């Protein structure tokens, strides 16, 4: 795994804010979450979206492509994420040929490393 199990982003994160959507939309179908594993994949769920992540790691951030389903439609896109000095995770999330959003997440303290 070449040290990825110790990567600072590995774990489960609770999405608490977005620049395009309010909290009610984020938690529409359950708690808005992003999970980053040390194995090169993860998942994200918010609103009516559920998607799998294919992750590329750098020293202290990640880039990813994603594919999933939203309201019965196949959707995909890309993004990246990095930790801020205050411990928040900032996720740049983009739909292919569509919306681009900035998501803010806090580490889910009830989770263990993935």
C-alpha atoms as a PDB file:
ATOM      1  CA  UNK A   1       0.000   0.000   0.000  1.00  0.00           C
ATOM      2  CA  UNK A   2       3.081   2.230   0.064  1.00  0.00           C
ATOM      3  CA  UNK A   3       2.053   4.171   3.157  1.00  0.00           C
ATOM      4  CA  UNK A   4      -1.409   5.216   1.993  1.00  0.00           C
ATOM      5  CA  UNK A   5      -2.980   3.785   5.130  1.00  0.00           C
ATOM      6  CA  UNK A   6      -1.401   6.788   6.898  1.00  0.00           C
ATOM      7  CA  UNK A   7      -2.500   9.344   4.294  1.00  0.00           C
ATOM      8  CA  UNK A   8      -4.133  12.290   6.122  1.00  0.00           C
ATOM      9  CA  UNK A   9      -7.380  12.075   4.094  1.00  0.00           C
ATOM     10  CA  UNK A  10      -8.078   8.364   4.658  1.00  0.00           C
ATOM     11  CA  UNK A  11     -11.256   7.932   6.665  1.00  0.00           C
ATOM     12  CA  UNK A  12     -14.901   8.895   6.712  1.00  0.00           C
ATOM     13  CA  UNK A  13     -15.905  12.556   6.432  1.00  0.00           C
ATOM     14  CA  UNK A  14     -19.284  14.202   7.094  1.00  0.00           C
ATOM     15  CA  UNK A  15     -20.161  16.769   4.405  1.00  0.00           C
ATOM     16  CA  UNK A  16     -21.490  19.772   6.319  1.00  0.00           C
ATOM     17  CA  UNK A  17     -21.702  22.534   3.718  1.00  0.00           C
ATOM     18  CA  UNK A  18     -21.724  23.234  -0.022  1.00  0.00           C
ATOM     19  CA  UNK A  19     -21.666  26.409  -2.028  1.00  0.00           C
ATOM     20  CA  UNK A  20     -24.465  25.234  -4.407  1.00  0.00           C
ATOM     21  CA  UNK A  21     -26.825  23.336  -2.109  1.00  0.00           C
ATOM     22  CA  UNK A  22     -28.275  23.861   1.360  1.00  0.00           C
ATOM     23  CA  UNK A  23     -27.952  21.372   4.220  1.00  0.00           C
ATOM     24  CA  UNK A  24     -31.479  20.027   3.632  1.00  0.00           C
ATOM     25  CA  UNK A  25     -30.509  19.015   0.080  1.00  0.00           C
ATOM     26  CA  UNK A  26     -27.155  17.554   1.176  1.00  0.00           C
ATOM     27  CA  UNK A  27     -28.892  15.240   3.688  1.00  0.00           C
ATOM     28  CA  UNK A  28     -31.893  14.456   1.436  1.00  0.00           C
ATOM     29  CA  UNK A  29     -31.372  10.668   1.389  1.00  0.00           C
ATOM     30  CA  UNK A  30     -29.250  10.301   4.529  1.00  0.00           C
ATOM     31  CA  UNK A  31     -26.196  11.938   6.026  1.00  0.00           C
ATOM     32  CA  UNK A  32     -23.967  13.471   3.363  1.00  0.00           C
ATOM     33  CA  UNK A  33     -20.636  11.617   3.523  1.00  0.00           C
ATOM     34  CA  UNK A  34     -17.386  11.001   1.684  1.00  0.00           C
ATOM     35  CA  UNK A  35     -15.231   7.965   2.462  1.00  0.00           C
ATOM     36  CA  UNK A  36     -11.604   7.777   1.353  1.00  0.00           C
ATOM     37  CA  UNK A  37      -9.823   4.435   1.638  1.00  0.00           C
ATOM     38  CA  UNK A  38      -6.131   3.567   1.446  1.00  0.00           C
ATOM     39  CA  UNK A  39      -6.914   1.117  -1.371  1.00  0.00           C
ATOM     40  CA  UNK A  40      -7.440   3.587  -4.236  1.00  0.00           C
ATOM     41  CA  UNK A  41     -11.182   3.921  -4.031  1.00  0.00           C
ATOM     42  CA  UNK A  42     -13.897   5.505  -1.937  1.00  0.00           C
ATOM     43  CA  UNK A  43     -17.458   6.723  -2.158  1.00  0.00           C
ATOM     44  CA  UNK A  44     -19.526   9.852  -1.804  1.00  0.00           C
ATOM     45  CA  UNK A  45     -23.211  10.340  -1.088  1.00  0.00           C
ATOM     46  CA  UNK A  46     -25.203  13.556  -0.815  1.00  0.00           C
ATOM     47  CA  UNK A  47     -28.597  14.708  -2.040  1.00  0.00           C
ATOM     48  CA  UNK A  48     -29.830  11.937  -4.335  1.00  0.00           C
ATOM     49  CA  UNK A  49     -26.291  11.068  -5.501  1.00  0.00           C
ATOM     50  CA  UNK A  50     -24.419   7.874  -4.654  1.00  0.00           C
ATOM     51  CA  UNK A  51     -21.060   7.469  -6.385  1.00  0.00           C
ATOM     52  CA  UNK A  52     -17.808   5.516  -6.297  1.00  0.00           C
ATOM     53  CA  UNK A  53     -14.457   7.294  -6.325  1.00  0.00           C
ATOM     54  CA  UNK A  54     -11.285   6.207  -8.138  1.00  0.00           C
ATOM     55  CA  UNK A  55      -8.555   7.989  -6.163  1.00  0.00           C
ATOM     56  CA  UNK A  56      -5.028   9.184  -7.010  1.00  0.00           C
ATOM     57  CA  UNK A  57      -2.992  10.214  -3.951  1.00  0.00           C
ATOM     58  CA  UNK A  58      -0.345  12.892  -3.629  1.00  0.00           C
ATOM     59  CA  UNK A  59       1.542  13.837  -0.478  1.00  0.00           C
ATOM     60  CA  UNK A  60      -1.310  15.579   1.360  1.00  0.00           C
ATOM     61  CA  UNK A  61      -4.257  15.721  -1.028  1.00  0.00           C
ATOM     62  CA  UNK A  62      -6.121  13.540  -3.518  1.00  0.00           C
ATOM     63  CA  UNK A  63      -7.603  13.769  -6.994  1.00  0.00           C
ATOM     64  CA  UNK A  64     -10.422  11.504  -8.111  1.00  0.00           C
ATOM     65  CA  UNK A  65     -12.814  10.570 -10.851  1.00  0.00           C
ATOM     66  CA  UNK A  66     -16.260   9.410  -9.872  1.00  0.00           C
ATOM     67  CA  UNK A  67     -19.195   7.546 -11.336  1.00  0.00           C
ATOM     68  CA  UNK A  68     -22.587   6.933  -9.840  1.00  0.00           C
ATOM     69  CA  UNK A  69     -26.323   7.318  -9.935  1.00  0.00           C
ATOM     70  CA  UNK A  70     -28.518  10.331  -9.196  1.00  0.00           C
ATOM     71  CA  UNK A  71     -32.298  10.045  -9.384  1.00  0.00           C
ATOM     72  CA  UNK A  72     -31.917   6.982 -11.616  1.00  0.00           C
ATOM     73  CA  UNK A  73     -29.511   8.653 -14.056  1.00  0.00           C
ATOM     74  CA  UNK A  74     -25.898   7.590 -14.611  1.00  0.00           C
ATOM     75  CA  UNK A  75     -23.607  10.526 -13.750  1.00  0.00           C
ATOM     76  CA  UNK A  76     -19.852  11.021 -13.564  1.00  0.00           C
ATOM     77  CA  UNK A  77     -17.201  13.617 -13.024  1.00  0.00           C
ATOM     78  CA  UNK A  78     -14.000  14.460 -11.223  1.00  0.00           C
ATOM     79  CA  UNK A  79     -12.677  16.313  -8.237  1.00  0.00           C
ATOM     80  CA  UNK A  80      -9.980  16.802  -5.681  1.00  0.00           C
ATOM     81  CA  UNK A  81      -9.747  17.253  -1.932  1.00  0.00           C
ATOM     82  CA  UNK A  82      -7.333  18.696   0.607  1.00  0.00           C
ATOM     83  CA  UNK A  83      -7.264  19.362   4.333  1.00  0.00           C
ATOM     84  CA  UNK A  84      -7.222  22.948   5.563  1.00  0.00           C
ATOM     85  CA  UNK A  85      -5.259  24.176   8.588  1.00  0.00           C
ATOM     86  CA  UNK A  86      -8.450  24.038  10.692  1.00  0.00           C
ATOM     87  CA  UNK A  87      -8.879  20.317   9.887  1.00  0.00           C
ATOM     88  CA  UNK A  88     -11.750  20.796   7.430  1.00  0.00           C
ATOM     89  CA  UNK A  89     -11.704  18.857   4.179  1.00  0.00           C
ATOM     90  CA  UNK A  90     -12.356  21.007   1.100  1.00  0.00           C
ATOM     91  CA  UNK A  91     -13.663  19.015  -1.868  1.00  0.00           C
ATOM     92  CA  UNK A  92     -13.845  20.486  -5.367  1.00  0.00           C
ATOM     93  CA  UNK A  93     -16.578  18.370  -6.969  1.00  0.00           C
ATOM     94  CA  UNK A  94     -17.556  18.570 -10.646  1.00  0.00           C
ATOM     95  CA  UNK A  95     -20.149  16.811 -12.763  1.00  0.00           C
ATOM     96  CA  UNK A  96     -18.999  16.071 -16.310  1.00  0.00           C
ATOM     97  CA  UNK A  97     -20.457  18.904 -18.420  1.00  0.00           C
ATOM     98  CA  UNK A  98     -22.412  20.227 -15.453  1.00  0.00           C
ATOM     99  CA  UNK A  99     -22.327  21.769 -11.997  1.00  0.00           C
ATOM    100  CA  UNK A 100     -19.137  22.410 -10.065  1.00  0.00           C
ATOM    101  CA  UNK A 101     -19.357  22.703  -6.296  1.00  0.00           C
ATOM    102  CA  UNK A 102     -17.159  23.231  -3.283  1.00  0.00           C
ATOM    103  CA  UNK A 103     -18.021  20.898  -0.415  1.00  0.00           C
ATOM    104  CA  UNK A 104     -16.789  21.264   3.165  1.00  0.00           C
ATOM    105  CA  UNK A 105     -16.471  18.171   5.356  1.00  0.00           C
ATOM    106  CA  UNK A 106     -15.375  17.383   8.899  1.00  0.00           C
ATOM    107  CA  UNK A 107     -13.846  14.072   9.927  1.00  0.00           C
ATOM    108  CA  UNK A 108     -16.484  11.668  11.231  1.00  0.00           C
ATOM    109  CA  UNK A 109     -15.159  11.035  14.725  1.00  0.00           C
ATOM    110  CA  UNK A 110     -17.098   7.794  15.016  1.00  0.00           C
ATOM    111  CA  UNK A 111     -15.184   6.269  12.103  1.00  0.00           C
ATOM    112  CA  UNK A 112     -12.003   4.264  12.007  1.00  0.00           C
ATOM    113  CA  UNK A 113      -9.386   4.366   9.285  1.00  0.00           C
ATOM    114  CA  UNK A 114     -10.434   2.619   6.074  1.00  0.00           C
END
